Amino acid sequence: SVVGIEVLMAAQALELRLKERGFGAEALAPASRAVLAMLRATPATDGRPIGHLERDLVLYPRIHKAAELVNSGAVLDAARAALV
């Protein structure tokens, strides 16, 4: 779960930083861009998208899905595929 939380918060931080500087996801390294896109395209365990957080909401479904993505190797696979 801890690494899943780290992935979620890294995605949130990347998007905040990009927005602050006026850049889009294309400014990210290919592996970072691929992991971010994969995370955002994956529904949480409650069926809602794992989107950028704009307000308070229950995070458990997003944390659980992010942990599943890490444990299954999907995060690593997305990063590796972007580097080929």
PDB file of N, CA and C in Angstrom:
ATOM      1  N   SER A   1       0.810  -1.205   0.000  1.00  0.00           N
ATOM      2  CA  SER A   1       0.000   0.000   0.000  1.00  0.00           C
ATOM      3  C   SER A   1       0.848   1.263   0.000  1.00  0.00           C
ATOM      4  N   VAL A   2       1.976   1.223   0.689  1.00  0.00           N
ATOM      5  CA  VAL A   2       2.810   2.419   0.786  1.00  0.00           C
ATOM      6  C   VAL A   2       3.311   2.847  -0.590  1.00  0.00           C
ATOM      7  N   VAL A   3       3.763   1.902  -1.388  1.00  0.00           N
ATOM      8  CA  VAL A   3       4.256   2.252  -2.724  1.00  0.00           C
ATOM      9  C   VAL A   3       3.099   2.721  -3.605  1.00  0.00           C
ATOM     10  N   GLY A   4       1.920   2.146  -3.429  1.00  0.00           N
ATOM     11  CA  GLY A   4       0.743   2.616  -4.152  1.00  0.00           C
ATOM     12  C   GLY A   4       0.436   4.067  -3.822  1.00  0.00           C
ATOM     13  N   ILE A   5       0.520   4.416  -2.543  1.00  0.00           N
ATOM     14  CA  ILE A   5       0.320   5.806  -2.121  1.00  0.00           C
ATOM     15  C   ILE A   5       1.383   6.693  -2.748  1.00  0.00           C
ATOM     16  N   GLU A   6       2.623   6.225  -2.761  1.00  0.00           N
ATOM     17  CA  GLU A   6       3.714   6.994  -3.374  1.00  0.00           C
ATOM     18  C   GLU A   6       3.441   7.264  -4.852  1.00  0.00           C
ATOM     19  N   VAL A   7       2.943   6.266  -5.570  1.00  0.00           N
ATOM     20  CA  VAL A   7       2.630   6.436  -6.993  1.00  0.00           C
ATOM     21  C   VAL A   7       1.529   7.476  -7.168  1.00  0.00           C
ATOM     22  N   LEU A   8       0.480   7.385  -6.360  1.00  0.00           N
ATOM     23  CA  LEU A   8      -0.612   8.362  -6.447  1.00  0.00           C
ATOM     24  C   LEU A   8      -0.128   9.779  -6.174  1.00  0.00           C
ATOM     25  N   MET A   9       0.662   9.944  -5.127  1.00  0.00           N
ATOM     26  CA  MET A   9       1.116  11.283  -4.757  1.00  0.00           C
ATOM     27  C   MET A   9       2.146  11.825  -5.745  1.00  0.00           C
ATOM     28  N   ALA A  10       2.961  10.946  -6.312  1.00  0.00           N
ATOM     29  CA  ALA A  10       3.909  11.387  -7.345  1.00  0.00           C
ATOM     30  C   ALA A  10       3.157  11.881  -8.572  1.00  0.00           C
ATOM     31  N   ALA A  11       2.098  11.177  -8.956  1.00  0.00           N
ATOM     32  CA  ALA A  11       1.289  11.607 -10.102  1.00  0.00           C
ATOM     33  C   ALA A  11       0.654  12.961  -9.821  1.00  0.00           C
ATOM     34  N   GLN A  12       0.115  13.122  -8.628  1.00  0.00           N
ATOM     35  CA  GLN A  12      -0.502  14.393  -8.241  1.00  0.00           C
ATOM     36  C   GLN A  12       0.532  15.519  -8.285  1.00  0.00           C
ATOM     37  N   ALA A  13       1.707  15.265  -7.716  1.00  0.00           N
ATOM     38  CA  ALA A  13       2.760  16.281  -7.686  1.00  0.00           C
ATOM     39  C   ALA A  13       3.244  16.641  -9.088  1.00  0.00           C
ATOM     40  N   LEU A  14       3.420  15.640  -9.942  1.00  0.00           N
ATOM     41  CA  LEU A  14       3.845  15.912 -11.320  1.00  0.00           C
ATOM     42  C   LEU A  14       2.846  16.810 -12.036  1.00  0.00           C
ATOM     43  N   GLU A  15       1.562  16.491 -11.890  1.00  0.00           N
ATOM     44  CA  GLU A  15       0.543  17.289 -12.569  1.00  0.00           C
ATOM     45  C   GLU A  15       0.475  18.710 -12.021  1.00  0.00           C
ATOM     46  N   LEU A  16       0.623  18.868 -10.720  1.00  0.00           N
ATOM     47  CA  LEU A  16       0.638  20.215 -10.141  1.00  0.00           C
ATOM     48  C   LEU A  16       1.830  21.014 -10.650  1.00  0.00           C
ATOM     49  N   ARG A  17       2.970  20.364 -10.699  1.00  0.00           N
ATOM     50  CA  ARG A  17       4.191  21.039 -11.162  1.00  0.00           C
ATOM     51  C   ARG A  17       4.089  21.421 -12.635  1.00  0.00           C
ATOM     52  N   LEU A  18       3.576  20.522 -13.458  1.00  0.00           N
ATOM     53  CA  LEU A  18       3.408  20.819 -14.885  1.00  0.00           C
ATOM     54  C   LEU A  18       2.457  21.995 -15.083  1.00  0.00           C
ATOM     55  N   LYS A  19       1.345  21.973 -14.366  1.00  0.00           N
ATOM     56  CA  LYS A  19       0.360  23.049 -14.486  1.00  0.00           C
ATOM     57  C   LYS A  19       0.961  24.382 -14.057  1.00  0.00           C
ATOM     58  N   GLU A  20       1.696  24.367 -12.957  1.00  0.00           N
ATOM     59  CA  GLU A  20       2.326  25.575 -12.430  1.00  0.00           C
ATOM     60  C   GLU A  20       3.286  26.197 -13.443  1.00  0.00           C
ATOM     61  N   ARG A  21       3.959  25.357 -14.186  1.00  0.00           N
ATOM     62  CA  ARG A  21       4.954  25.841 -15.148  1.00  0.00           C
ATOM     63  C   ARG A  21       4.413  25.982 -16.561  1.00  0.00           C
ATOM     64  N   GLY A  22       3.144  25.654 -16.752  1.00  0.00           N
ATOM     65  CA  GLY A  22       2.523  25.813 -18.062  1.00  0.00           C
ATOM     66  C   GLY A  22       2.887  24.740 -19.070  1.00  0.00           C
ATOM     67  N   PHE A  23       3.243  23.564 -18.595  1.00  0.00           N
ATOM     68  CA  PHE A  23       3.605  22.462 -19.477  1.00  0.00           C
ATOM     69  C   PHE A  23       2.532  21.382 -19.451  1.00  0.00           C
ATOM     70  N   GLY A  24       2.531  20.560 -20.482  1.00  0.00           N
ATOM     71  CA  GLY A  24       1.667  19.385 -20.524  1.00  0.00           C
ATOM     72  C   GLY A  24       2.483  18.143 -20.233  1.00  0.00           C
ATOM     73  N   ALA A  25       1.835  17.003 -20.282  1.00  0.00           N
ATOM     74  CA  ALA A  25       2.498  15.731 -19.987  1.00  0.00           C
ATOM     75  C   ALA A  25       3.639  15.432 -20.953  1.00  0.00           C
ATOM     76  N   GLU A  26       3.607  16.045 -22.137  1.00  0.00           N
ATOM     77  CA  GLU A  26       4.684  15.807 -23.109  1.00  0.00           C
ATOM     78  C   GLU A  26       6.044  16.289 -22.599  1.00  0.00           C
ATOM     79  N   ALA A  27       6.056  17.119 -21.561  1.00  0.00           N
ATOM     80  CA  ALA A  27       7.313  17.601 -20.987  1.00  0.00           C
ATOM     81  C   ALA A  27       7.969  16.555 -20.080  1.00  0.00           C
ATOM     82  N   LEU A  28       7.243  15.510 -19.746  1.00  0.00           N
ATOM     83  CA  LEU A  28       7.785  14.460 -18.878  1.00  0.00           C
ATOM     84  C   LEU A  28       8.664  13.496 -19.664  1.00  0.00           C
ATOM     85  N   ALA A  29       9.513  12.803 -18.947  1.00  0.00           N
ATOM     86  CA  ALA A  29      10.285  11.715 -19.545  1.00  0.00           C
ATOM     87  C   ALA A  29       9.305  10.639 -20.012  1.00  0.00           C
ATOM     88  N   PRO A  30       9.656   9.881 -21.049  1.00  0.00           N
ATOM     89  CA  PRO A  30       8.731   8.875 -21.578  1.00  0.00           C
ATOM     90  C   PRO A  30       8.200   7.892 -20.530  1.00  0.00           C
ATOM     91  N   ALA A  31       9.048   7.414 -19.647  1.00  0.00           N
ATOM     92  CA  ALA A  31       8.592   6.449 -18.639  1.00  0.00           C
ATOM     93  C   ALA A  31       7.612   7.095 -17.663  1.00  0.00           C
ATOM     94  N   SER A  32       7.902   8.307 -17.228  1.00  0.00           N
ATOM     95  CA  SER A  32       6.994   9.017 -16.318  1.00  0.00           C
ATOM     96  C   SER A  32       5.658   9.280 -16.989  1.00  0.00           C
ATOM     97  N   ARG A  33       5.708   9.695 -18.229  1.00  0.00           N
ATOM     98  CA  ARG A  33       4.484   9.973 -18.993  1.00  0.00           C
ATOM     99  C   ARG A  33       3.645   8.700 -19.141  1.00  0.00           C
ATOM    100  N   ALA A  34       4.289   7.572 -19.415  1.00  0.00           N
ATOM    101  CA  ALA A  34       3.580   6.303 -19.593  1.00  0.00           C
ATOM    102  C   ALA A  34       2.918   5.840 -18.297  1.00  0.00           C
ATOM    103  N   VAL A  35       3.628   5.944 -17.192  1.00  0.00           N
ATOM    104  CA  VAL A  35       3.062   5.529 -15.906  1.00  0.00           C
ATOM    105  C   VAL A  35       1.906   6.449 -15.521  1.00  0.00           C
ATOM    106  N   LEU A  36       2.065   7.741 -15.728  1.00  0.00           N
ATOM    107  CA  LEU A  36       0.992   8.686 -15.420  1.00  0.00           C
ATOM    108  C   LEU A  36      -0.246   8.395 -16.263  1.00  0.00           C
ATOM    109  N   ALA A  37      -0.055   8.168 -17.542  1.00  0.00           N
ATOM    110  CA  ALA A  37      -1.183   7.876 -18.435  1.00  0.00           C
ATOM    111  C   ALA A  37      -1.869   6.570 -18.044  1.00  0.00           C
ATOM    112  N   MET A  38      -1.085   5.548 -17.717  1.00  0.00           N
ATOM    113  CA  MET A  38      -1.656   4.265 -17.316  1.00  0.00           C
ATOM    114  C   MET A  38      -2.456   4.414 -16.024  1.00  0.00           C
ATOM    115  N   LEU A  39      -1.909   5.137 -15.067  1.00  0.00           N
ATOM    116  CA  LEU A  39      -2.606   5.346 -13.801  1.00  0.00           C
ATOM    117  C   LEU A  39      -3.920   6.086 -14.024  1.00  0.00           C
ATOM    118  N   ARG A  40      -3.887   7.143 -14.807  1.00  0.00           N
ATOM    119  CA  ARG A  40      -5.087   7.957 -15.032  1.00  0.00           C
ATOM    120  C   ARG A  40      -6.135   7.227 -15.879  1.00  0.00           C
ATOM    121  N   ALA A  41      -5.722   6.246 -16.656  1.00  0.00           N
ATOM    122  CA  ALA A  41      -6.659   5.488 -17.495  1.00  0.00           C
ATOM    123  C   ALA A  41      -7.270   4.295 -16.765  1.00  0.00           C
ATOM    124  N   THR A  42      -6.789   4.013 -15.560  1.00  0.00           N
ATOM    125  CA  THR A  42      -7.247   2.853 -14.798  1.00  0.00           C
ATOM    126  C   THR A  42      -8.321   3.268 -13.802  1.00  0.00           C
ATOM    127  N   PRO A  43      -9.466   2.592 -13.822  1.00  0.00           N
ATOM    128  CA  PRO A  43     -10.481   2.916 -12.816  1.00  0.00           C
ATOM    129  C   PRO A  43     -10.085   2.376 -11.441  1.00  0.00           C
ATOM    130  N   ALA A  44     -10.452   3.110 -10.407  1.00  0.00           N
ATOM    131  CA  ALA A  44     -10.223   2.663  -9.037  1.00  0.00           C
ATOM    132  C   ALA A  44     -11.153   1.491  -8.734  1.00  0.00           C
ATOM    133  N   THR A  45     -11.009   0.907  -7.567  1.00  0.00           N
ATOM    134  CA  THR A  45     -11.843  -0.242  -7.219  1.00  0.00           C
ATOM    135  C   THR A  45     -13.318   0.127  -7.054  1.00  0.00           C
ATOM    136  N   ASP A  46     -13.636   1.420  -6.946  1.00  0.00           N
ATOM    137  CA  ASP A  46     -15.039   1.844  -6.878  1.00  0.00           C
ATOM    138  C   ASP A  46     -15.593   2.184  -8.262  1.00  0.00           C
ATOM    139  N   GLY A  47     -14.777   1.963  -9.307  1.00  0.00           N
ATOM    140  CA  GLY A  47     -15.210   2.208 -10.678  1.00  0.00           C
ATOM    141  C   GLY A  47     -14.983   3.624 -11.164  1.00  0.00           C
ATOM    142  N   ARG A  48     -14.619   4.515 -10.281  1.00  0.00           N
ATOM    143  CA  ARG A  48     -14.361   5.904 -10.673  1.00  0.00           C
ATOM    144  C   ARG A  48     -12.929   6.032 -11.173  1.00  0.00           C
ATOM    145  N   PRO A  49     -12.679   7.002 -12.047  1.00  0.00           N
ATOM    146  CA  PRO A  49     -11.313   7.158 -12.552  1.00  0.00           C
ATOM    147  C   PRO A  49     -10.342   7.597 -11.456  1.00  0.00           C
ATOM    148  N   ILE A  50      -9.091   7.218 -11.632  1.00  0.00           N
ATOM    149  CA  ILE A  50      -8.042   7.687 -10.721  1.00  0.00           C
ATOM    150  C   ILE A  50      -7.535   9.000 -11.315  1.00  0.00           C
ATOM    151  N   GLY A  51      -8.310  10.035 -11.142  1.00  0.00           N
ATOM    152  CA  GLY A  51      -7.977  11.331 -11.724  1.00  0.00           C
ATOM    153  C   GLY A  51      -7.184  12.203 -10.772  1.00  0.00           C
ATOM    154  N   HIS A  52      -6.807  13.367 -11.282  1.00  0.00           N
ATOM    155  CA  HIS A  52      -6.126  14.382 -10.481  1.00  0.00           C
ATOM    156  C   HIS A  52      -7.082  14.837  -9.385  1.00  0.00           C
ATOM    157  N   LEU A  53      -6.610  14.924  -8.173  1.00  0.00           N
ATOM    158  CA  LEU A  53      -7.468  15.294  -7.045  1.00  0.00           C
ATOM    159  C   LEU A  53      -7.677  16.804  -7.001  1.00  0.00           C
ATOM    160  N   GLU A  54      -8.929  17.201  -7.057  1.00  0.00           N
ATOM    161  CA  GLU A  54      -9.288  18.612  -6.982  1.00  0.00           C
ATOM    162  C   GLU A  54     -10.018  18.932  -5.682  1.00  0.00           C
ATOM    163  N   ARG A  55     -10.480  17.885  -4.990  1.00  0.00           N
ATOM    164  CA  ARG A  55     -11.235  18.082  -3.752  1.00  0.00           C
ATOM    165  C   ARG A  55     -11.036  16.856  -2.860  1.00  0.00           C
ATOM    166  N   ASP A  56     -11.465  16.971  -1.628  1.00  0.00           N
ATOM    167  CA  ASP A  56     -11.387  15.839  -0.708  1.00  0.00           C
ATOM    168  C   ASP A  56     -12.321  14.726  -1.159  1.00  0.00           C
ATOM    169  N   LEU A  57     -11.853  13.519  -1.079  1.00  0.00           N
ATOM    170  CA  LEU A  57     -12.686  12.362  -1.355  1.00  0.00           C
ATOM    171  C   LEU A  57     -12.059  11.139  -0.719  1.00  0.00           C
ATOM    172  N   VAL A  58     -12.800  10.059  -0.700  1.00  0.00           N
ATOM    173  CA  VAL A  58     -12.299   8.819  -0.108  1.00  0.00           C
ATOM    174  C   VAL A  58     -11.193   8.271  -1.008  1.00  0.00           C
ATOM    175  N   LEU A  59     -10.012   8.112  -0.446  1.00  0.00           N
ATOM    176  CA  LEU A  59      -8.860   7.678  -1.238  1.00  0.00           C
ATOM    177  C   LEU A  59      -8.662   6.166  -1.259  1.00  0.00           C
ATOM    178  N   TYR A  60      -9.288   5.438  -0.343  1.00  0.00           N
ATOM    179  CA  TYR A  60      -9.016   4.011  -0.265  1.00  0.00           C
ATOM    180  C   TYR A  60      -9.154   3.293  -1.603  1.00  0.00           C
ATOM    181  N   PRO A  61     -10.220   3.514  -2.400  1.00  0.00           N
ATOM    182  CA  PRO A  61     -10.318   2.791  -3.669  1.00  0.00           C
ATOM    183  C   PRO A  61      -9.160   3.106  -4.624  1.00  0.00           C
ATOM    184  N   ARG A  62      -8.668   4.325  -4.594  1.00  0.00           N
ATOM    185  CA  ARG A  62      -7.550   4.711  -5.457  1.00  0.00           C
ATOM    186  C   ARG A  62      -6.241   4.109  -4.949  1.00  0.00           C
ATOM    187  N   ILE A  63      -6.060   4.136  -3.626  1.00  0.00           N
ATOM    188  CA  ILE A  63      -4.861   3.544  -3.029  1.00  0.00           C
ATOM    189  C   ILE A  63      -4.825   2.040  -3.299  1.00  0.00           C
ATOM    190  N   HIS A  64      -5.952   1.385  -3.113  1.00  0.00           N
ATOM    191  CA  HIS A  64      -6.020  -0.065  -3.337  1.00  0.00           C
ATOM    192  C   HIS A  64      -5.662  -0.411  -4.784  1.00  0.00           C
ATOM    193  N   LYS A  65      -6.226   0.320  -5.748  1.00  0.00           N
ATOM    194  CA  LYS A  65      -5.942   0.043  -7.163  1.00  0.00           C
ATOM    195  C   LYS A  65      -4.488   0.372  -7.488  1.00  0.00           C
ATOM    196  N   ALA A  66      -3.967   1.481  -6.968  1.00  0.00           N
ATOM    197  CA  ALA A  66      -2.567   1.827  -7.220  1.00  0.00           C
ATOM    198  C   ALA A  66      -1.644   0.749  -6.661  1.00  0.00           C
ATOM    199  N   ALA A  67      -1.963   0.231  -5.487  1.00  0.00           N
ATOM    200  CA  ALA A  67      -1.162  -0.857  -4.911  1.00  0.00           C
ATOM    201  C   ALA A  67      -1.243  -2.100  -5.784  1.00  0.00           C
ATOM    202  N   GLU A  68      -2.426  -2.399  -6.319  1.00  0.00           N
ATOM    203  CA  GLU A  68      -2.569  -3.536  -7.240  1.00  0.00           C
ATOM    204  C   GLU A  68      -1.692  -3.345  -8.479  1.00  0.00           C
ATOM    205  N   LEU A  69      -1.673  -2.128  -9.015  1.00  0.00           N
ATOM    206  CA  LEU A  69      -0.866  -1.851 -10.206  1.00  0.00           C
ATOM    207  C   LEU A  69       0.621  -2.042  -9.921  1.00  0.00           C
ATOM    208  N   VAL A  70       1.045  -1.620  -8.742  1.00  0.00           N
ATOM    209  CA  VAL A  70       2.451  -1.802  -8.355  1.00  0.00           C
ATOM    210  C   VAL A  70       2.749  -3.286  -8.150  1.00  0.00           C
ATOM    211  N   ASN A  71       1.920  -3.960  -7.368  1.00  0.00           N
ATOM    212  CA  ASN A  71       2.160  -5.374  -7.034  1.00  0.00           C
ATOM    213  C   ASN A  71       2.085  -6.298  -8.240  1.00  0.00           C
ATOM    214  N   SER A  72       1.259  -5.949  -9.214  1.00  0.00           N
ATOM    215  CA  SER A  72       1.126  -6.787 -10.414  1.00  0.00           C
ATOM    216  C   SER A  72       2.271  -6.575 -11.402  1.00  0.00           C
ATOM    217  N   GLY A  73       3.040  -5.520 -11.195  1.00  0.00           N
ATOM    218  CA  GLY A  73       4.121  -5.196 -12.123  1.00  0.00           C
ATOM    219  C   GLY A  73       3.692  -4.275 -13.248  1.00  0.00           C
ATOM    220  N   ALA A  74       2.435  -3.834 -13.251  1.00  0.00           N
ATOM    221  CA  ALA A  74       1.925  -2.988 -14.337  1.00  0.00           C
ATOM    222  C   ALA A  74       2.644  -1.643 -14.410  1.00  0.00           C
ATOM    223  N   VAL A  75       2.988  -1.078 -13.261  1.00  0.00           N
ATOM    224  CA  VAL A  75       3.699   0.207 -13.259  1.00  0.00           C
ATOM    225  C   VAL A  75       5.071   0.036 -13.899  1.00  0.00           C
ATOM    226  N   LEU A  76       5.781  -0.978 -13.480  1.00  0.00           N
ATOM    227  CA  LEU A  76       7.105  -1.251 -14.039  1.00  0.00           C
ATOM    228  C   LEU A  76       7.018  -1.590 -15.524  1.00  0.00           C
ATOM    229  N   ASP A  77       6.024  -2.375 -15.909  1.00  0.00           N
ATOM    230  CA  ASP A  77       5.841  -2.726 -17.325  1.00  0.00           C
ATOM    231  C   ASP A  77       5.586  -1.491 -18.177  1.00  0.00           C
ATOM    232  N   ALA A  78       4.754  -0.566 -17.684  1.00  0.00           N
ATOM    233  CA  ALA A  78       4.459   0.660 -18.435  1.00  0.00           C
ATOM    234  C   ALA A  78       5.721   1.499 -18.611  1.00  0.00           C
ATOM    235  N   ALA A  79       6.506   1.608 -17.549  1.00  0.00           N
ATOM    236  CA  ALA A  79       7.747   2.383 -17.630  1.00  0.00           C
ATOM    237  C   ALA A  79       8.739   1.734 -18.593  1.00  0.00           C
ATOM    238  N   ARG A  80       8.898   0.428 -18.497  1.00  0.00           N
ATOM    239  CA  ARG A  80       9.836  -0.278 -19.386  1.00  0.00           C
ATOM    240  C   ARG A  80       9.411  -0.190 -20.843  1.00  0.00           C
ATOM    241  N   ALA A  81       8.113  -0.338 -21.108  1.00  0.00           N
ATOM    242  CA  ALA A  81       7.609  -0.287 -22.485  1.00  0.00           C
ATOM    243  C   ALA A  81       7.871   1.076 -23.116  1.00  0.00           C
ATOM    244  N   ALA A  82       7.844   2.124 -22.315  1.00  0.00           N
ATOM    245  CA  ALA A  82       8.075   3.473 -22.836  1.00  0.00           C
ATOM    246  C   ALA A  82       9.538   3.697 -23.201  1.00  0.00           C
ATOM    247  N   LEU A  83      10.415   2.884 -22.667  1.00  0.00           N
ATOM    248  CA  LEU A  83      11.847   3.059 -22.907  1.00  0.00           C
ATOM    249  C   LEU A  83      12.356   2.273 -24.101  1.00  0.00           C
ATOM    250  N   VAL A  84      11.506   1.447 -24.672  1.00  0.00           N
ATOM    251  CA  VAL A  84      11.930   0.613 -25.806  1.00  0.00           C
ATOM    252  C   VAL A  84      11.789   1.373 -27.100  1.00  0.00           C
TER     253      VAL A  84
END
